[in-house]
Amino acid sequence: MRRAIEAGLAGLLAVLLGANGLAMLFAGPWWYGVVPGVVATGPFNPHFVKDIGAAYLVVGVSLGAFALRPARAFSALVAAAAFLTLHAAIHVGDALASSACGHDLVRDLPGIFLPALVSLGLVATHLNPAKEPSHA
């Protein structure tokens, strides 16, 4: 049961973050205008948005691989979690330097911090497998 939940969480993140990456790559101006807080970071830079979109697409594919083949794609999960965690740390640093710190942290919770926390949780649970209860 636990492995099914892990696969479901990884699969859900794969779809959401992969779609985000595709939107950044192929609809950057639209993405830039609809994601809360992005316009406050400065003018639209299509190259930068595509760079980050490529990273999100790789994260999505990596999480998808883990969802389908957890034993073979654990390193892909670790790489995805590393990017998401570093990205979240950058957002924490920016928020702490901002006069709107609390607002920024709340705004970034669903799209930045939650994926990082879930991916780290997947890494941790995969490293520390709990024994499934026996129903014999």
N, C-alpha and C. Protein backbone atom coordinates (compact mmCIF):
# COMPACT_ATOMS: atom_id res chain seq x y z
N MET A 1 0.83 -1.20 0.00
CA MET A 1 0.00 0.00 0.00
C MET A 1 0.87 1.26 0.00
N ARG A 2 1.92 1.25 0.85
CA ARG A 2 2.78 2.43 0.92
C ARG A 2 3.45 2.73 -0.41
N ARG A 3 3.92 1.70 -1.10
CA ARG A 3 4.57 1.89 -2.40
C ARG A 3 3.59 2.47 -3.41
N ALA A 4 2.33 2.09 -3.33
CA ALA A 4 1.32 2.62 -4.25
C ALA A 4 1.10 4.11 -3.98
N ILE A 5 1.11 4.50 -2.71
CA ILE A 5 0.96 5.92 -2.37
C ILE A 5 2.16 6.71 -2.86
N GLU A 6 3.37 6.16 -2.65
CA GLU A 6 4.59 6.82 -3.15
C GLU A 6 4.52 7.00 -4.66
N ALA A 7 4.13 5.94 -5.36
CA ALA A 7 4.04 6.01 -6.82
C ALA A 7 2.99 7.03 -7.24
N GLY A 8 1.88 7.07 -6.53
CA GLY A 8 0.83 8.05 -6.85
C GLY A 8 1.29 9.47 -6.64
N LEU A 9 1.97 9.73 -5.53
CA LEU A 9 2.49 11.08 -5.27
C LEU A 9 3.53 11.48 -6.31
N ALA A 10 4.44 10.56 -6.61
CA ALA A 10 5.47 10.85 -7.61
C ALA A 10 4.83 11.08 -8.98
N GLY A 11 3.84 10.27 -9.32
CA GLY A 11 3.15 10.43 -10.60
C GLY A 11 2.41 11.75 -10.70
N LEU A 12 1.73 12.13 -9.63
CA LEU A 12 1.01 13.40 -9.61
C LEU A 12 1.98 14.57 -9.78
N LEU A 13 3.08 14.55 -9.01
CA LEU A 13 4.09 15.59 -9.15
C LEU A 13 4.68 15.60 -10.56
N ALA A 14 4.89 14.41 -11.12
CA ALA A 14 5.45 14.30 -12.47
C ALA A 14 4.57 15.02 -13.48
N VAL A 15 3.28 14.80 -13.39
CA VAL A 15 2.35 15.43 -14.33
C VAL A 15 2.30 16.94 -14.12
N LEU A 16 2.16 17.37 -12.88
CA LEU A 16 2.05 18.80 -12.60
C LEU A 16 3.33 19.57 -12.95
N LEU A 17 4.47 19.04 -12.52
CA LEU A 17 5.73 19.76 -12.75
C LEU A 17 6.17 19.63 -14.20
N GLY A 18 5.90 18.49 -14.82
CA GLY A 18 6.19 18.35 -16.25
C GLY A 18 5.35 19.30 -17.08
N ALA A 19 4.06 19.43 -16.73
CA ALA A 19 3.19 20.37 -17.44
C ALA A 19 3.66 21.81 -17.23
N ASN A 20 4.11 22.12 -16.03
CA ASN A 20 4.66 23.44 -15.77
C ASN A 20 5.88 23.70 -16.66
N GLY A 21 6.76 22.71 -16.77
CA GLY A 21 7.93 22.85 -17.62
C GLY A 21 7.55 23.06 -19.08
N LEU A 22 6.58 22.29 -19.56
CA LEU A 22 6.14 22.45 -20.95
C LEU A 22 5.53 23.84 -21.18
N ALA A 23 4.75 24.31 -20.21
CA ALA A 23 4.17 25.66 -20.34
C ALA A 23 5.28 26.71 -20.40
N MET A 24 6.29 26.55 -19.58
CA MET A 24 7.40 27.51 -19.58
C MET A 24 8.15 27.47 -20.91
N LEU A 25 8.32 26.28 -21.46
CA LEU A 25 9.04 26.13 -22.72
C LEU A 25 8.26 26.64 -23.93
N PHE A 26 6.95 26.37 -23.97
CA PHE A 26 6.18 26.63 -25.17
C PHE A 26 5.15 27.75 -25.05
N ALA A 27 4.90 28.22 -23.84
CA ALA A 27 3.95 29.32 -23.64
C ALA A 27 4.48 30.23 -22.55
N GLY A 28 5.76 30.57 -22.64
CA GLY A 28 6.44 31.36 -21.62
C GLY A 28 5.75 32.66 -21.25
N PRO A 29 5.36 33.48 -22.23
CA PRO A 29 4.71 34.75 -21.87
C PRO A 29 3.40 34.53 -21.11
N TRP A 30 2.62 33.52 -21.53
CA TRP A 30 1.38 33.21 -20.81
C TRP A 30 1.71 32.76 -19.40
N TRP A 31 2.65 31.81 -19.26
CA TRP A 31 3.05 31.29 -17.95
C TRP A 31 3.49 32.44 -17.04
N TYR A 32 4.30 33.33 -17.58
CA TYR A 32 4.83 34.45 -16.83
C TYR A 32 3.71 35.33 -16.28
N GLY A 33 2.67 35.49 -17.05
CA GLY A 33 1.57 36.36 -16.63
C GLY A 33 0.59 35.74 -15.65
N VAL A 34 0.51 34.40 -15.62
CA VAL A 34 -0.52 33.78 -14.77
C VAL A 34 -0.01 33.21 -13.46
N VAL A 35 1.29 32.97 -13.35
CA VAL A 35 1.81 32.40 -12.11
C VAL A 35 1.98 33.51 -11.07
N PRO A 36 1.33 33.38 -9.91
CA PRO A 36 1.40 34.44 -8.90
C PRO A 36 2.83 34.76 -8.48
N GLY A 37 3.14 36.05 -8.45
CA GLY A 37 4.43 36.52 -7.96
C GLY A 37 5.52 36.62 -9.00
N VAL A 38 5.36 35.97 -10.15
CA VAL A 38 6.43 35.95 -11.13
C VAL A 38 6.70 37.34 -11.70
N VAL A 39 5.67 38.09 -12.00
CA VAL A 39 5.88 39.42 -12.59
C VAL A 39 6.64 40.36 -11.65
N ALA A 40 6.60 40.07 -10.36
CA ALA A 40 7.32 40.91 -9.39
C ALA A 40 8.82 40.65 -9.40
N THR A 41 9.27 39.61 -10.13
CA THR A 41 10.69 39.29 -10.16
C THR A 41 11.45 40.07 -11.22
N GLY A 42 10.75 40.84 -12.03
CA GLY A 42 11.40 41.62 -13.08
C GLY A 42 10.76 41.36 -14.42
N PRO A 43 11.31 41.97 -15.45
CA PRO A 43 10.71 41.81 -16.78
C PRO A 43 10.86 40.38 -17.30
N PHE A 44 9.96 40.00 -18.18
CA PHE A 44 9.97 38.68 -18.79
C PHE A 44 11.28 38.47 -19.54
N ASN A 45 11.93 37.35 -19.26
CA ASN A 45 13.17 36.97 -19.93
C ASN A 45 12.93 35.59 -20.54
N PRO A 46 12.66 35.53 -21.85
CA PRO A 46 12.28 34.25 -22.45
C PRO A 46 13.35 33.16 -22.31
N HIS A 47 14.60 33.53 -22.40
CA HIS A 47 15.66 32.52 -22.27
C HIS A 47 15.66 31.94 -20.85
N PHE A 48 15.56 32.79 -19.85
CA PHE A 48 15.57 32.32 -18.46
C PHE A 48 14.36 31.43 -18.19
N VAL A 49 13.19 31.84 -18.66
CA VAL A 49 11.97 31.04 -18.44
C VAL A 49 12.12 29.68 -19.10
N LYS A 50 12.68 29.63 -20.30
CA LYS A 50 12.88 28.35 -20.98
C LYS A 50 13.92 27.49 -20.26
N ASP A 51 14.98 28.10 -19.74
CA ASP A 51 15.97 27.34 -18.97
C ASP A 51 15.32 26.64 -17.78
N ILE A 52 14.54 27.39 -17.03
CA ILE A 52 13.90 26.80 -15.85
C ILE A 52 12.82 25.81 -16.28
N GLY A 53 12.15 26.10 -17.38
CA GLY A 53 11.17 25.15 -17.92
C GLY A 53 11.80 23.82 -18.27
N ALA A 54 13.01 23.87 -18.84
CA ALA A 54 13.72 22.64 -19.17
C ALA A 54 14.03 21.85 -17.89
N ALA A 55 14.43 22.56 -16.84
CA ALA A 55 14.71 21.89 -15.57
C ALA A 55 13.44 21.25 -15.01
N TYR A 56 12.32 21.95 -15.07
CA TYR A 56 11.06 21.39 -14.58
C TYR A 56 10.62 20.19 -15.41
N LEU A 57 10.87 20.23 -16.70
CA LEU A 57 10.52 19.08 -17.54
C LEU A 57 11.35 17.86 -17.16
N VAL A 58 12.64 18.06 -16.92
CA VAL A 58 13.49 16.96 -16.48
C VAL A 58 13.02 16.43 -15.12
N VAL A 59 12.64 17.32 -14.22
CA VAL A 59 12.12 16.89 -12.92
C VAL A 59 10.85 16.05 -13.11
N GLY A 60 9.97 16.50 -13.98
CA GLY A 60 8.74 15.75 -14.24
C GLY A 60 9.02 14.36 -14.79
N VAL A 61 9.92 14.27 -15.75
CA VAL A 61 10.27 12.97 -16.32
C VAL A 61 10.94 12.09 -15.26
N SER A 62 11.79 12.67 -14.44
CA SER A 62 12.47 11.91 -13.39
C SER A 62 11.47 11.36 -12.38
N LEU A 63 10.53 12.18 -11.96
CA LEU A 63 9.51 11.72 -11.02
C LEU A 63 8.62 10.67 -11.65
N GLY A 64 8.32 10.83 -12.93
CA GLY A 64 7.53 9.83 -13.65
C GLY A 64 8.25 8.49 -13.71
N ALA A 65 9.55 8.54 -13.97
CA ALA A 65 10.34 7.31 -14.00
C ALA A 65 10.32 6.63 -12.64
N PHE A 66 10.45 7.42 -11.57
CA PHE A 66 10.39 6.84 -10.23
C PHE A 66 9.02 6.24 -9.94
N ALA A 67 7.96 6.92 -10.38
CA ALA A 67 6.61 6.40 -10.15
C ALA A 67 6.42 5.04 -10.82
N LEU A 68 7.02 4.88 -11.99
CA LEU A 68 6.86 3.63 -12.74
C LEU A 68 7.83 2.54 -12.31
N ARG A 69 9.06 2.92 -11.98
CA ARG A 69 10.11 1.96 -11.64
C ARG A 69 10.92 2.46 -10.45
N PRO A 70 10.36 2.42 -9.26
CA PRO A 70 11.04 3.01 -8.10
C PRO A 70 12.43 2.43 -7.82
N ALA A 71 12.60 1.16 -7.98
CA ALA A 71 13.92 0.57 -7.67
C ALA A 71 14.98 1.02 -8.68
N ARG A 72 14.60 1.15 -9.92
CA ARG A 72 15.56 1.52 -10.97
C ARG A 72 15.77 3.03 -11.08
N ALA A 73 14.80 3.81 -10.65
CA ALA A 73 14.87 5.26 -10.87
C ALA A 73 15.02 6.06 -9.59
N PHE A 74 15.53 5.42 -8.54
CA PHE A 74 15.71 6.16 -7.28
C PHE A 74 16.65 7.34 -7.47
N SER A 75 17.72 7.17 -8.23
CA SER A 75 18.66 8.28 -8.43
C SER A 75 17.98 9.43 -9.17
N ALA A 76 17.04 9.13 -10.04
CA ALA A 76 16.29 10.19 -10.72
C ALA A 76 15.44 10.97 -9.72
N LEU A 77 14.85 10.24 -8.76
CA LEU A 77 14.09 10.90 -7.70
C LEU A 77 14.99 11.81 -6.88
N VAL A 78 16.18 11.34 -6.53
CA VAL A 78 17.11 12.14 -5.74
C VAL A 78 17.49 13.42 -6.50
N ALA A 79 17.75 13.29 -7.79
CA ALA A 79 18.10 14.48 -8.59
C ALA A 79 16.93 15.46 -8.64
N ALA A 80 15.72 14.95 -8.84
CA ALA A 80 14.54 15.82 -8.87
C ALA A 80 14.36 16.52 -7.52
N ALA A 81 14.49 15.76 -6.44
CA ALA A 81 14.35 16.35 -5.10
C ALA A 81 15.43 17.39 -4.84
N ALA A 82 16.63 17.15 -5.35
CA ALA A 82 17.72 18.12 -5.15
C ALA A 82 17.39 19.44 -5.84
N PHE A 83 16.95 19.39 -7.09
CA PHE A 83 16.57 20.63 -7.78
C PHE A 83 15.44 21.34 -7.04
N LEU A 84 14.39 20.59 -6.72
CA LEU A 84 13.23 21.21 -6.07
C LEU A 84 13.60 21.82 -4.72
N THR A 85 14.48 21.17 -3.97
CA THR A 85 14.89 21.67 -2.66
C THR A 85 15.77 22.91 -2.80
N LEU A 86 16.71 22.88 -3.73
CA LEU A 86 17.55 24.06 -3.96
C LEU A 86 16.71 25.24 -4.45
N HIS A 87 15.77 24.96 -5.33
CA HIS A 87 14.87 26.01 -5.83
C HIS A 87 14.06 26.60 -4.67
N ALA A 88 13.55 25.73 -3.79
CA ALA A 88 12.80 26.21 -2.63
C ALA A 88 13.69 27.04 -1.71
N ALA A 89 14.94 26.63 -1.52
CA ALA A 89 15.86 27.38 -0.67
C ALA A 89 16.10 28.78 -1.22
N ILE A 90 16.19 28.90 -2.52
CA ILE A 90 16.35 30.21 -3.15
C ILE A 90 15.13 31.08 -2.85
N HIS A 91 13.94 30.48 -2.93
CA HIS A 91 12.72 31.23 -2.63
C HIS A 91 12.66 31.64 -1.16
N VAL A 92 13.12 30.79 -0.26
CA VAL A 92 13.17 31.15 1.16
C VAL A 92 14.11 32.34 1.35
N GLY A 93 15.28 32.27 0.75
CA GLY A 93 16.24 33.38 0.86
C GLY A 93 15.68 34.68 0.33
N ASP A 94 15.02 34.61 -0.84
CA ASP A 94 14.41 35.81 -1.41
C ASP A 94 13.30 36.35 -0.51
N ALA A 95 12.50 35.44 0.05
CA ALA A 95 11.40 35.87 0.92
C ALA A 95 11.93 36.54 2.19
N LEU A 96 12.98 35.97 2.75
CA LEU A 96 13.54 36.55 3.97
C LEU A 96 14.12 37.94 3.72
N ALA A 97 14.57 38.19 2.50
CA ALA A 97 15.12 39.50 2.16
C ALA A 97 14.04 40.49 1.74
N SER A 98 12.80 40.04 1.67
CA SER A 98 11.70 40.87 1.19
C SER A 98 10.90 41.44 2.35
N SER A 99 10.31 42.60 2.11
CA SER A 99 9.43 43.18 3.12
C SER A 99 8.11 42.42 3.19
N ALA A 100 7.82 41.61 2.17
CA ALA A 100 6.59 40.82 2.14
C ALA A 100 6.89 39.35 2.42
N CYS A 101 7.81 39.09 3.33
CA CYS A 101 8.30 37.74 3.60
C CYS A 101 7.17 36.74 3.82
N GLY A 102 6.30 37.02 4.77
CA GLY A 102 5.22 36.08 5.09
C GLY A 102 4.32 35.83 3.90
N HIS A 103 3.97 36.87 3.17
CA HIS A 103 3.14 36.73 1.98
C HIS A 103 3.83 35.87 0.94
N ASP A 104 5.12 36.12 0.71
CA ASP A 104 5.87 35.36 -0.29
C ASP A 104 5.93 33.88 0.08
N LEU A 105 6.16 33.59 1.35
CA LEU A 105 6.24 32.19 1.78
C LEU A 105 4.91 31.48 1.61
N VAL A 106 3.82 32.15 1.95
CA VAL A 106 2.49 31.56 1.79
C VAL A 106 2.17 31.37 0.30
N ARG A 107 2.48 32.38 -0.49
CA ARG A 107 2.23 32.32 -1.94
C ARG A 107 2.97 31.15 -2.57
N ASP A 108 4.21 30.91 -2.13
CA ASP A 108 5.04 29.87 -2.73
C ASP A 108 4.82 28.48 -2.15
N LEU A 109 4.00 28.37 -1.11
CA LEU A 109 3.79 27.08 -0.46
C LEU A 109 3.32 26.00 -1.42
N PRO A 110 2.23 26.20 -2.18
CA PRO A 110 1.75 25.08 -3.00
C PRO A 110 2.65 24.73 -4.19
N GLY A 111 3.22 25.71 -4.83
CA GLY A 111 3.95 25.45 -6.07
C GLY A 111 5.44 25.25 -5.92
N ILE A 112 6.02 25.71 -4.82
CA ILE A 112 7.47 25.62 -4.63
C ILE A 112 7.81 24.71 -3.44
N PHE A 113 7.29 25.04 -2.28
CA PHE A 113 7.69 24.32 -1.07
C PHE A 113 7.06 22.93 -0.95
N LEU A 114 5.80 22.80 -1.30
CA LEU A 114 5.15 21.49 -1.18
C LEU A 114 5.79 20.44 -2.09
N PRO A 115 6.05 20.74 -3.37
CA PRO A 115 6.73 19.73 -4.20
C PRO A 115 8.11 19.34 -3.64
N ALA A 116 8.84 20.31 -3.11
CA ALA A 116 10.15 19.99 -2.53
C ALA A 116 9.99 19.09 -1.32
N LEU A 117 9.04 19.40 -0.45
CA LEU A 117 8.82 18.58 0.75
C LEU A 117 8.35 17.17 0.40
N VAL A 118 7.44 17.07 -0.57
CA VAL A 118 6.95 15.76 -0.97
C VAL A 118 8.08 14.93 -1.57
N SER A 119 8.87 15.55 -2.44
CA SER A 119 9.97 14.79 -3.06
C SER A 119 11.00 14.36 -2.01
N LEU A 120 11.30 15.23 -1.06
CA LEU A 120 12.21 14.84 0.03
C LEU A 120 11.62 13.71 0.87
N GLY A 121 10.32 13.79 1.11
CA GLY A 121 9.65 12.72 1.84
C GLY A 121 9.72 11.39 1.10
N LEU A 122 9.58 11.43 -0.22
CA LEU A 122 9.70 10.21 -1.02
C LEU A 122 11.10 9.63 -0.92
N VAL A 123 12.10 10.49 -0.96
CA VAL A 123 13.48 10.03 -0.81
C VAL A 123 13.66 9.38 0.56
N ALA A 124 13.20 10.05 1.60
CA ALA A 124 13.36 9.55 2.97
C ALA A 124 12.65 8.22 3.17
N THR A 125 11.42 8.10 2.68
CA THR A 125 10.69 6.84 2.89
C THR A 125 11.29 5.71 2.05
N HIS A 126 11.85 6.06 0.92
CA HIS A 126 12.48 5.01 0.09
C HIS A 126 13.79 4.54 0.72
N LEU A 127 14.47 5.44 1.42
CA LEU A 127 15.71 5.07 2.11
C LEU A 127 15.44 4.27 3.38
N ASN A 128 14.29 4.53 4.00
CA ASN A 128 13.90 3.87 5.25
C ASN A 128 12.62 3.08 5.05
N PRO A 129 12.67 2.00 4.32
CA PRO A 129 11.42 1.28 4.05
C PRO A 129 10.85 0.66 5.31
N ALA A 130 9.60 0.96 5.57
CA ALA A 130 8.90 0.33 6.70
C ALA A 130 8.34 -0.99 6.22
N LYS A 131 8.31 -1.94 7.11
CA LYS A 131 7.76 -3.23 6.72
C LYS A 131 6.25 -3.10 6.60
N GLU A 132 5.74 -3.64 5.50
CA GLU A 132 4.29 -3.67 5.30
C GLU A 132 3.69 -4.61 6.33
N PRO A 133 2.53 -4.25 6.91
CA PRO A 133 1.91 -5.15 7.88
C PRO A 133 1.49 -6.45 7.21
N SER A 134 1.64 -7.51 7.94
CA SER A 134 1.25 -8.83 7.44
C SER A 134 -0.22 -9.06 7.75
N HIS A 135 -0.95 -9.48 6.75
CA HIS A 135 -2.38 -9.75 6.94
C HIS A 135 -2.64 -11.25 6.85
N ALA A 136 -1.74 -12.02 7.39
CA ALA A 136 -1.89 -13.49 7.31
C ALA A 136 -2.80 -14.02 8.37
